[in-house]
Amino acid sequence: LVERQGVLPAGRIVYLMRQVCDALNEAHGQGLVHRDLKPANIYCAYRGGQFDVAKVLDFGLANPLSDAKDSGLTQEGAITGSPLFMSPE
């Protein structure tokens, strides 16, 4: 979107990011943690005659909250996700 249209106005970014946060909140409500959130996994769509419908994609690394400690998917010292978009801790 930015490559096609350039710098976006702050209000438009806030509008899109609220939708992303709502999507992640819904996933958390279903017991899932995305674990690989990055710009490439956020799609800005045109749907139902409405522009700027944000969609969170690629739940391939999602981890159930209930199994977070017992799943063995993430172990201490293991890196899961896209390193350039991960928080330092």
C-alpha atoms as a PDB file:
ATOM      1  CA  LEU A   1       0.000   0.000   0.000  1.00  0.00           C
ATOM      2  CA  VAL A   2       2.781   2.421   0.950  1.00  0.00           C
ATOM      3  CA  GLU A   3       4.782   1.502  -2.161  1.00  0.00           C
ATOM      4  CA  ARG A   4       1.771   2.382  -4.359  1.00  0.00           C
ATOM      5  CA  GLN A   5       0.451   5.431  -2.520  1.00  0.00           C
ATOM      6  CA  GLY A   6       3.395   6.792  -0.563  1.00  0.00           C
ATOM      7  CA  VAL A   7       3.261   7.955   3.037  1.00  0.00           C
ATOM      8  CA  LEU A   8      -0.190   7.408   4.510  1.00  0.00           C
ATOM      9  CA  PRO A   9      -1.967   9.988   6.671  1.00  0.00           C
ATOM     10  CA  ALA A  10      -1.820   9.243  10.399  1.00  0.00           C
ATOM     11  CA  GLY A  11      -5.600   8.860  10.646  1.00  0.00           C
ATOM     12  CA  ARG A  12      -5.618   6.178   7.977  1.00  0.00           C
ATOM     13  CA  ILE A  13      -2.821   4.277   9.705  1.00  0.00           C
ATOM     14  CA  VAL A  14      -4.656   4.434  13.034  1.00  0.00           C
ATOM     15  CA  TYR A  15      -7.839   3.197  11.325  1.00  0.00           C
ATOM     16  CA  LEU A  16      -5.979   0.200   9.840  1.00  0.00           C
ATOM     17  CA  MET A  17      -4.021  -0.597  13.002  1.00  0.00           C
ATOM     18  CA  ARG A  18      -7.184  -0.584  15.112  1.00  0.00           C
ATOM     19  CA  GLN A  19      -8.521  -3.302  12.851  1.00  0.00           C
ATOM     20  CA  VAL A  20      -5.275  -5.255  13.209  1.00  0.00           C
ATOM     21  CA  CYS A  21      -5.473  -4.938  16.996  1.00  0.00           C
ATOM     22  CA  ASP A  22      -9.125  -6.044  16.922  1.00  0.00           C
ATOM     23  CA  ALA A  23      -8.167  -9.087  14.814  1.00  0.00           C
ATOM     24  CA  LEU A  24      -5.379 -10.022  17.218  1.00  0.00           C
ATOM     25  CA  ASN A  25      -7.720  -9.497  20.169  1.00  0.00           C
ATOM     26  CA  GLU A  26     -10.219 -11.865  18.557  1.00  0.00           C
ATOM     27  CA  ALA A  27      -7.472 -14.443  17.946  1.00  0.00           C
ATOM     28  CA  HIS A  28      -6.391 -14.131  21.588  1.00  0.00           C
ATOM     29  CA  GLY A  29     -10.026 -14.575  22.596  1.00  0.00           C
ATOM     30  CA  GLN A  30      -9.978 -17.854  20.667  1.00  0.00           C
ATOM     31  CA  GLY A  31      -6.812 -18.865  22.518  1.00  0.00           C
ATOM     32  CA  LEU A  32      -4.267 -18.153  19.751  1.00  0.00           C
ATOM     33  CA  VAL A  33      -1.067 -16.092  19.670  1.00  0.00           C
ATOM     34  CA  HIS A  34       0.025 -15.105  16.133  1.00  0.00           C
ATOM     35  CA  ARG A  35       3.828 -15.073  16.787  1.00  0.00           C
ATOM     36  CA  ASP A  36       4.813 -13.689  13.356  1.00  0.00           C
ATOM     37  CA  LEU A  37       3.157 -10.296  12.995  1.00  0.00           C
ATOM     38  CA  LYS A  38       4.908  -8.168  10.362  1.00  0.00           C
ATOM     39  CA  PRO A  39       3.880  -5.859   7.508  1.00  0.00           C
ATOM     40  CA  ALA A  40       3.827  -8.739   5.003  1.00  0.00           C
ATOM     41  CA  ASN A  41       1.180 -10.483   7.137  1.00  0.00           C
ATOM     42  CA  ILE A  42      -1.194  -7.517   7.137  1.00  0.00           C
ATOM     43  CA  TYR A  43      -3.308  -7.150   4.013  1.00  0.00           C
ATOM     44  CA  CYS A  44      -5.314  -4.040   3.205  1.00  0.00           C
ATOM     45  CA  ALA A  45      -8.360  -5.133   1.211  1.00  0.00           C
ATOM     46  CA  TYR A  46     -11.355  -3.712  -0.595  1.00  0.00           C
ATOM     47  CA  ARG A  47     -14.387  -5.683   0.572  1.00  0.00           C
ATOM     48  CA  GLY A  48     -18.110  -5.113   0.325  1.00  0.00           C
ATOM     49  CA  GLY A  49     -17.626  -1.699  -1.256  1.00  0.00           C
ATOM     50  CA  GLN A  50     -15.412  -0.587   1.617  1.00  0.00           C
ATOM     51  CA  PHE A  51     -11.742   0.390   1.323  1.00  0.00           C
ATOM     52  CA  ASP A  52      -9.082  -0.216   3.969  1.00  0.00           C
ATOM     53  CA  VAL A  53     -10.357  -3.480   5.416  1.00  0.00           C
ATOM     54  CA  ALA A  54      -7.330  -4.850   7.295  1.00  0.00           C
ATOM     55  CA  LYS A  55      -6.789  -8.598   7.390  1.00  0.00           C
ATOM     56  CA  VAL A  56      -4.190 -10.406   9.485  1.00  0.00           C
ATOM     57  CA  LEU A  57      -2.727 -13.296   7.494  1.00  0.00           C
ATOM     58  CA  ASP A  58      -0.476 -16.306   8.062  1.00  0.00           C
ATOM     59  CA  PHE A  59      -1.330 -17.942  11.345  1.00  0.00           C
ATOM     60  CA  GLY A  60       1.111 -20.738  10.447  1.00  0.00           C
ATOM     61  CA  LEU A  61       3.229 -20.119  13.559  1.00  0.00           C
ATOM     62  CA  ALA A  62       0.235 -19.462  15.814  1.00  0.00           C
ATOM     63  CA  ASN A  63       0.411 -21.148  19.167  1.00  0.00           C
ATOM     64  CA  PRO A  64      -2.534 -22.031  21.417  1.00  0.00           C
ATOM     65  CA  LEU A  65      -2.384 -20.103  24.690  1.00  0.00           C
ATOM     66  CA  SER A  66      -3.428 -23.188  26.655  1.00  0.00           C
ATOM     67  CA  ASP A  67      -0.528 -25.217  25.256  1.00  0.00           C
ATOM     68  CA  ALA A  68       2.102 -22.454  25.372  1.00  0.00           C
ATOM     69  CA  LYS A  69       4.168 -24.065  28.124  1.00  0.00           C
ATOM     70  CA  ASP A  70       3.552 -27.708  27.267  1.00  0.00           C
ATOM     71  CA  SER A  71       3.609 -27.707  23.462  1.00  0.00           C
ATOM     72  CA  GLY A  72       7.359 -27.851  22.939  1.00  0.00           C
ATOM     73  CA  LEU A  73       6.906 -25.511  19.970  1.00  0.00           C
ATOM     74  CA  THR A  74       8.735 -22.683  21.664  1.00  0.00           C
ATOM     75  CA  GLN A  75      11.572 -23.565  23.951  1.00  0.00           C
ATOM     76  CA  GLU A  76      13.874 -21.301  25.879  1.00  0.00           C
ATOM     77  CA  GLY A  77      16.534 -19.978  23.518  1.00  0.00           C
ATOM     78  CA  ALA A  78      14.541 -20.897  20.387  1.00  0.00           C
ATOM     79  CA  ILE A  79      13.704 -18.230  17.816  1.00  0.00           C
ATOM     80  CA  THR A  80      10.246 -18.386  16.238  1.00  0.00           C
ATOM     81  CA  GLY A  81       9.029 -15.703  13.858  1.00  0.00           C
ATOM     82  CA  SER A  82      10.714 -13.172  11.590  1.00  0.00           C
ATOM     83  CA  PRO A  83      13.804 -11.807  13.413  1.00  0.00           C
ATOM     84  CA  LEU A  84      13.636  -8.328  11.857  1.00  0.00           C
ATOM     85  CA  PHE A  85      10.109  -7.868  13.250  1.00  0.00           C
ATOM     86  CA  MET A  86      10.498  -9.512  16.658  1.00  0.00           C
ATOM     87  CA  SER A  87      10.774  -7.626  19.920  1.00  0.00           C
ATOM     88  CA  PRO A  88      14.300  -7.798  21.383  1.00  0.00           C
ATOM     89  CA  GLU A  89      13.290  -9.639  24.538  1.00  0.00           C
END
